[in-house]
Amino acid sequence: MPQMSPMSWWLLFIYFIILLIMFSIMNYYILFYKPQTTESNNLKNFSMNWKW
């Protein structure tokens, strides 16, 4: 079974690094999370009555 040459290992490494970077960029920019405004409004009107 022939072994891979060093250049082939280098290209394989570069290929997987590029895949990792592209996957990370896609996950960062494609997913869009909407801020939840309903909870922030409820927290403003919340008053605490301490009963010691």
N, C-alpha and C. Protein backbone atom coordinates (compact mmCIF):
# COMPACT_ATOMS: atom_id res chain seq x y z
N MET A 1 0.85 -1.18 0.00
CA MET A 1 0.00 0.00 0.00
C MET A 1 0.89 1.24 0.00
N PRO A 2 0.76 2.10 -1.00
CA PRO A 2 1.66 3.26 -1.07
C PRO A 2 1.30 4.31 -0.02
N GLN A 3 2.31 4.97 0.45
CA GLN A 3 2.10 6.03 1.43
C GLN A 3 1.90 7.35 0.71
N MET A 4 1.26 8.26 1.41
CA MET A 4 1.04 9.58 0.82
C MET A 4 2.32 10.39 0.89
N SER A 5 2.53 11.18 -0.10
CA SER A 5 3.70 12.05 -0.10
C SER A 5 3.47 13.22 0.86
N PRO A 6 4.51 13.90 1.30
CA PRO A 6 4.33 15.04 2.22
C PRO A 6 3.47 16.16 1.65
N MET A 7 3.57 16.36 0.33
CA MET A 7 2.74 17.40 -0.28
C MET A 7 1.26 17.05 -0.19
N SER A 8 0.93 15.79 -0.33
CA SER A 8 -0.46 15.37 -0.21
C SER A 8 -0.99 15.56 1.21
N TRP A 9 -0.15 15.30 2.21
CA TRP A 9 -0.56 15.55 3.60
C TRP A 9 -0.80 17.03 3.83
N TRP A 10 0.04 17.85 3.26
CA TRP A 10 -0.09 19.31 3.41
C TRP A 10 -1.38 19.79 2.76
N LEU A 11 -1.69 19.29 1.57
CA LEU A 11 -2.93 19.69 0.89
C LEU A 11 -4.16 19.19 1.64
N LEU A 12 -4.07 18.01 2.19
CA LEU A 12 -5.17 17.49 2.98
C LEU A 12 -5.41 18.34 4.24
N PHE A 13 -4.34 18.74 4.87
CA PHE A 13 -4.44 19.60 6.04
C PHE A 13 -5.07 20.95 5.68
N ILE A 14 -4.61 21.54 4.59
CA ILE A 14 -5.17 22.82 4.14
C ILE A 14 -6.65 22.67 3.80
N TYR A 15 -6.99 21.58 3.18
CA TYR A 15 -8.39 21.33 2.82
C TYR A 15 -9.29 21.28 4.06
N PHE A 16 -8.87 20.58 5.09
CA PHE A 16 -9.69 20.48 6.30
C PHE A 16 -9.73 21.79 7.07
N ILE A 17 -8.65 22.53 7.05
CA ILE A 17 -8.65 23.85 7.70
C ILE A 17 -9.63 24.79 6.99
N ILE A 18 -9.63 24.76 5.68
CA ILE A 18 -10.56 25.61 4.93
C ILE A 18 -12.00 25.19 5.20
N LEU A 19 -12.24 23.89 5.28
CA LEU A 19 -13.59 23.42 5.61
C LEU A 19 -14.02 23.89 7.00
N LEU A 20 -13.12 23.82 7.95
CA LEU A 20 -13.45 24.26 9.31
C LEU A 20 -13.76 25.76 9.34
N ILE A 21 -12.97 26.54 8.65
CA ILE A 21 -13.19 27.99 8.62
C ILE A 21 -14.50 28.32 7.92
N MET A 22 -14.77 27.66 6.82
CA MET A 22 -16.02 27.92 6.10
C MET A 22 -17.24 27.52 6.93
N PHE A 23 -17.15 26.40 7.61
CA PHE A 23 -18.25 25.96 8.46
C PHE A 23 -18.49 26.95 9.60
N SER A 24 -17.43 27.45 10.19
CA SER A 24 -17.56 28.42 11.28
C SER A 24 -18.16 29.72 10.79
N ILE A 25 -17.73 30.19 9.64
CA ILE A 25 -18.27 31.43 9.08
C ILE A 25 -19.75 31.27 8.75
N MET A 26 -20.10 30.14 8.17
CA MET A 26 -21.51 29.91 7.84
C MET A 26 -22.37 29.87 9.10
N ASN A 27 -21.91 29.21 10.13
CA ASN A 27 -22.68 29.15 11.37
C ASN A 27 -22.81 30.52 12.02
N TYR A 28 -21.81 31.33 11.88
CA TYR A 28 -21.85 32.65 12.51
C TYR A 28 -22.81 33.58 11.78
N TYR A 29 -22.80 33.56 10.46
CA TYR A 29 -23.58 34.53 9.70
C TYR A 29 -24.97 34.04 9.30
N ILE A 30 -25.19 32.76 9.21
CA ILE A 30 -26.50 32.27 8.75
C ILE A 30 -27.52 32.30 9.88
N LEU A 31 -27.13 31.89 11.07
CA LEU A 31 -28.08 31.85 12.17
C LEU A 31 -28.37 33.25 12.68
N PHE A 32 -29.63 33.60 12.73
CA PHE A 32 -30.04 34.93 13.16
C PHE A 32 -31.01 34.76 14.33
N TYR A 33 -30.60 35.25 15.48
CA TYR A 33 -31.44 35.13 16.66
C TYR A 33 -32.16 36.44 16.90
N LYS A 34 -33.49 36.36 17.01
CA LYS A 34 -34.28 37.56 17.27
C LYS A 34 -34.25 37.87 18.76
N PRO A 35 -34.04 39.11 19.12
CA PRO A 35 -34.08 39.44 20.55
C PRO A 35 -35.50 39.35 21.10
N GLN A 36 -35.60 38.87 22.29
CA GLN A 36 -36.91 38.73 22.91
C GLN A 36 -37.23 40.02 23.67
N THR A 37 -38.16 40.79 23.14
CA THR A 37 -38.49 42.06 23.75
C THR A 37 -39.58 41.91 24.80
N THR A 38 -40.34 40.84 24.78
CA THR A 38 -41.45 40.71 25.72
C THR A 38 -40.93 40.53 27.15
N GLU A 39 -39.86 39.78 27.32
CA GLU A 39 -39.35 39.56 28.68
C GLU A 39 -38.71 40.82 29.25
N SER A 40 -38.05 41.58 28.40
CA SER A 40 -37.41 42.80 28.91
C SER A 40 -38.47 43.80 29.37
N ASN A 41 -39.63 43.85 28.69
CA ASN A 41 -40.70 44.75 29.12
C ASN A 41 -41.29 44.29 30.45
N ASN A 42 -41.40 42.99 30.64
CA ASN A 42 -41.96 42.48 31.88
C ASN A 42 -41.02 42.73 33.06
N LEU A 43 -39.75 42.70 32.81
CA LEU A 43 -38.80 42.92 33.90
C LEU A 43 -38.82 44.37 34.38
N LYS A 44 -39.13 45.28 33.50
CA LYS A 44 -39.16 46.69 33.89
C LYS A 44 -40.34 46.97 34.83
N ASN A 45 -41.45 46.30 34.63
CA ASN A 45 -42.64 46.53 35.43
C ASN A 45 -42.70 45.68 36.68
N PHE A 46 -41.72 44.85 36.87
CA PHE A 46 -41.71 43.93 38.00
C PHE A 46 -41.25 44.66 39.25
N SER A 47 -42.02 44.62 40.31
CA SER A 47 -41.63 45.22 41.56
C SER A 47 -41.57 44.14 42.64
N MET A 48 -40.58 44.26 43.48
CA MET A 48 -40.40 43.23 44.51
C MET A 48 -40.84 43.78 45.87
N ASN A 49 -41.68 43.04 46.55
CA ASN A 49 -42.10 43.39 47.88
C ASN A 49 -41.44 42.44 48.85
N TRP A 50 -40.51 42.97 49.62
CA TRP A 50 -39.79 42.13 50.57
C TRP A 50 -40.62 41.98 51.84
N LYS A 51 -40.77 40.76 52.27
CA LYS A 51 -41.49 40.50 53.52
C LYS A 51 -40.52 39.83 54.48
N TRP A 52 -40.06 40.57 55.42
CA TRP A 52 -39.06 40.03 56.37
C TRP A 52 -39.79 39.28 57.41
